[in-house]
Amino acid sequence: MYKIIQYRNKCIGCNACVEAAPKRWIVSRKDGRAILVGANIKKGIHMVDIEDWEFEENENAKHNCPVNIIAIKKIG
């Protein structure tokens, strides 16, 4: 398993994460920033645990992000 961590307040809404992993990322109609689907929010940081099969496309989302606001950590 892995944990995706998103620092959403720094998102510029470029849509790169959505293109790489559309099942886990969407763009908010309210503010144009990316939303990490299923995330829990703690102190403004969005986090969600994912299964191994989701890792590759979310790793692509992380690498495609021009402002480097996505982190992925192995948790199990």
C-alpha atoms as a PDB file:
ATOM      1  CA  MET A   1       0.000   0.000   0.000  1.00  0.00           C
ATOM      2  CA  TYR A   2       0.941   3.603  -0.525  1.00  0.00           C
ATOM      3  CA  LYS A   3      -0.138   6.992   0.791  1.00  0.00           C
ATOM      4  CA  ILE A   4      -0.653   9.938  -1.547  1.00  0.00           C
ATOM      5  CA  ILE A   5      -0.092  13.324   0.043  1.00  0.00           C
ATOM      6  CA  GLN A   6      -1.253  16.491  -1.706  1.00  0.00           C
ATOM      7  CA  TYR A   7      -0.449  20.051  -0.654  1.00  0.00           C
ATOM      8  CA  ARG A   8      -3.575  21.412  -2.336  1.00  0.00           C
ATOM      9  CA  ASN A   9      -3.120  25.067  -1.349  1.00  0.00           C
ATOM     10  CA  LYS A  10      -0.126  25.206  -3.715  1.00  0.00           C
ATOM     11  CA  CYS A  11      -1.985  23.642  -6.677  1.00  0.00           C
ATOM     12  CA  ILE A  12      -2.079  25.730  -9.870  1.00  0.00           C
ATOM     13  CA  GLY A  13      -4.817  23.672 -11.546  1.00  0.00           C
ATOM     14  CA  CYS A  14      -2.793  22.558 -14.564  1.00  0.00           C
ATOM     15  CA  ASN A  15      -4.714  19.241 -14.850  1.00  0.00           C
ATOM     16  CA  ALA A  16      -1.568  17.094 -15.253  1.00  0.00           C
ATOM     17  CA  CYS A  17      -2.536  14.803 -12.363  1.00  0.00           C
ATOM     18  CA  VAL A  18      -6.047  14.322 -13.754  1.00  0.00           C
ATOM     19  CA  GLU A  19      -4.657  13.302 -17.130  1.00  0.00           C
ATOM     20  CA  ALA A  20      -2.286  10.769 -15.527  1.00  0.00           C
ATOM     21  CA  ALA A  21      -4.737   9.258 -12.996  1.00  0.00           C
ATOM     22  CA  PRO A  22      -8.346  10.266 -13.748  1.00  0.00           C
ATOM     23  CA  LYS A  23      -9.836   7.819 -11.241  1.00  0.00           C
ATOM     24  CA  ARG A  24      -8.012   9.453  -8.323  1.00  0.00           C
ATOM     25  CA  TRP A  25      -7.867  13.134  -9.381  1.00  0.00           C
ATOM     26  CA  ILE A  26     -10.506  15.652 -10.493  1.00  0.00           C
ATOM     27  CA  VAL A  27     -10.511  19.419 -10.887  1.00  0.00           C
ATOM     28  CA  SER A  28     -12.741  21.502  -8.637  1.00  0.00           C
ATOM     29  CA  ARG A  29     -15.333  23.636 -10.375  1.00  0.00           C
ATOM     30  CA  LYS A  30     -15.166  26.065  -7.443  1.00  0.00           C
ATOM     31  CA  ASP A  31     -11.495  27.006  -7.442  1.00  0.00           C
ATOM     32  CA  GLY A  32      -9.927  25.145 -10.389  1.00  0.00           C
ATOM     33  CA  ARG A  33      -7.503  23.199  -8.204  1.00  0.00           C
ATOM     34  CA  ALA A  34      -7.021  19.436  -8.227  1.00  0.00           C
ATOM     35  CA  ILE A  35      -8.971  17.324  -5.746  1.00  0.00           C
ATOM     36  CA  LEU A  36      -7.520  14.059  -4.469  1.00  0.00           C
ATOM     37  CA  VAL A  37     -10.557  11.763  -4.576  1.00  0.00           C
ATOM     38  CA  GLY A  38     -11.242   9.987  -1.283  1.00  0.00           C
ATOM     39  CA  ALA A  39      -8.721  12.030   0.677  1.00  0.00           C
ATOM     40  CA  ASN A  40      -8.848  12.891   4.338  1.00  0.00           C
ATOM     41  CA  ILE A  41      -7.857  16.459   5.130  1.00  0.00           C
ATOM     42  CA  LYS A  42      -5.644  17.273   8.106  1.00  0.00           C
ATOM     43  CA  LYS A  43      -4.249  20.767   8.615  1.00  0.00           C
ATOM     44  CA  GLY A  44      -4.796  21.581   4.948  1.00  0.00           C
ATOM     45  CA  ILE A  45      -2.937  18.497   3.706  1.00  0.00           C
ATOM     46  CA  HIS A  46      -4.939  15.962   1.708  1.00  0.00           C
ATOM     47  CA  MET A  47      -4.036  12.273   2.148  1.00  0.00           C
ATOM     48  CA  VAL A  48      -5.373   8.942   0.935  1.00  0.00           C
ATOM     49  CA  ASP A  49      -4.150   5.363   1.066  1.00  0.00           C
ATOM     50  CA  ILE A  50      -4.047   3.509  -2.245  1.00  0.00           C
ATOM     51  CA  GLU A  51      -3.507  -0.073  -3.315  1.00  0.00           C
ATOM     52  CA  ASP A  52      -0.450  -1.217  -5.248  1.00  0.00           C
ATOM     53  CA  TRP A  53      -2.365  -1.354  -8.552  1.00  0.00           C
ATOM     54  CA  GLU A  54      -2.960   2.427  -8.358  1.00  0.00           C
ATOM     55  CA  PHE A  55       0.686   3.281  -7.764  1.00  0.00           C
ATOM     56  CA  GLU A  56       1.982   3.593 -11.334  1.00  0.00           C
ATOM     57  CA  GLU A  57      -0.564   6.092 -12.643  1.00  0.00           C
ATOM     58  CA  ASN A  58      -0.351   8.173  -9.470  1.00  0.00           C
ATOM     59  CA  GLU A  59       3.432   8.121  -9.636  1.00  0.00           C
ATOM     60  CA  ASN A  60       3.015   9.563 -13.152  1.00  0.00           C
ATOM     61  CA  ALA A  61       0.690  12.219 -11.721  1.00  0.00           C
ATOM     62  CA  LYS A  62       3.361  13.089  -9.159  1.00  0.00           C
ATOM     63  CA  HIS A  63       6.097  13.404 -11.787  1.00  0.00           C
ATOM     64  CA  ASN A  64       3.861  15.405 -14.151  1.00  0.00           C
ATOM     65  CA  CYS A  65       2.988  17.997 -11.488  1.00  0.00           C
ATOM     66  CA  PRO A  66       4.910  21.174 -12.367  1.00  0.00           C
ATOM     67  CA  VAL A  67       4.746  22.555  -8.813  1.00  0.00           C
ATOM     68  CA  ASN A  68       5.682  19.293  -7.019  1.00  0.00           C
ATOM     69  CA  ILE A  69       2.752  19.253  -4.571  1.00  0.00           C
ATOM     70  CA  ILE A  70       2.197  15.474  -4.687  1.00  0.00           C
ATOM     71  CA  ALA A  71       4.144  12.968  -2.602  1.00  0.00           C
ATOM     72  CA  ILE A  72       3.745   9.192  -2.484  1.00  0.00           C
ATOM     73  CA  LYS A  73       5.062   7.056   0.358  1.00  0.00           C
ATOM     74  CA  LYS A  74       5.071   3.281   0.747  1.00  0.00           C
ATOM     75  CA  ILE A  75       3.173   2.333   3.907  1.00  0.00           C
ATOM     76  CA  GLY A  76       2.978  -1.423   3.880  1.00  0.00           C
END
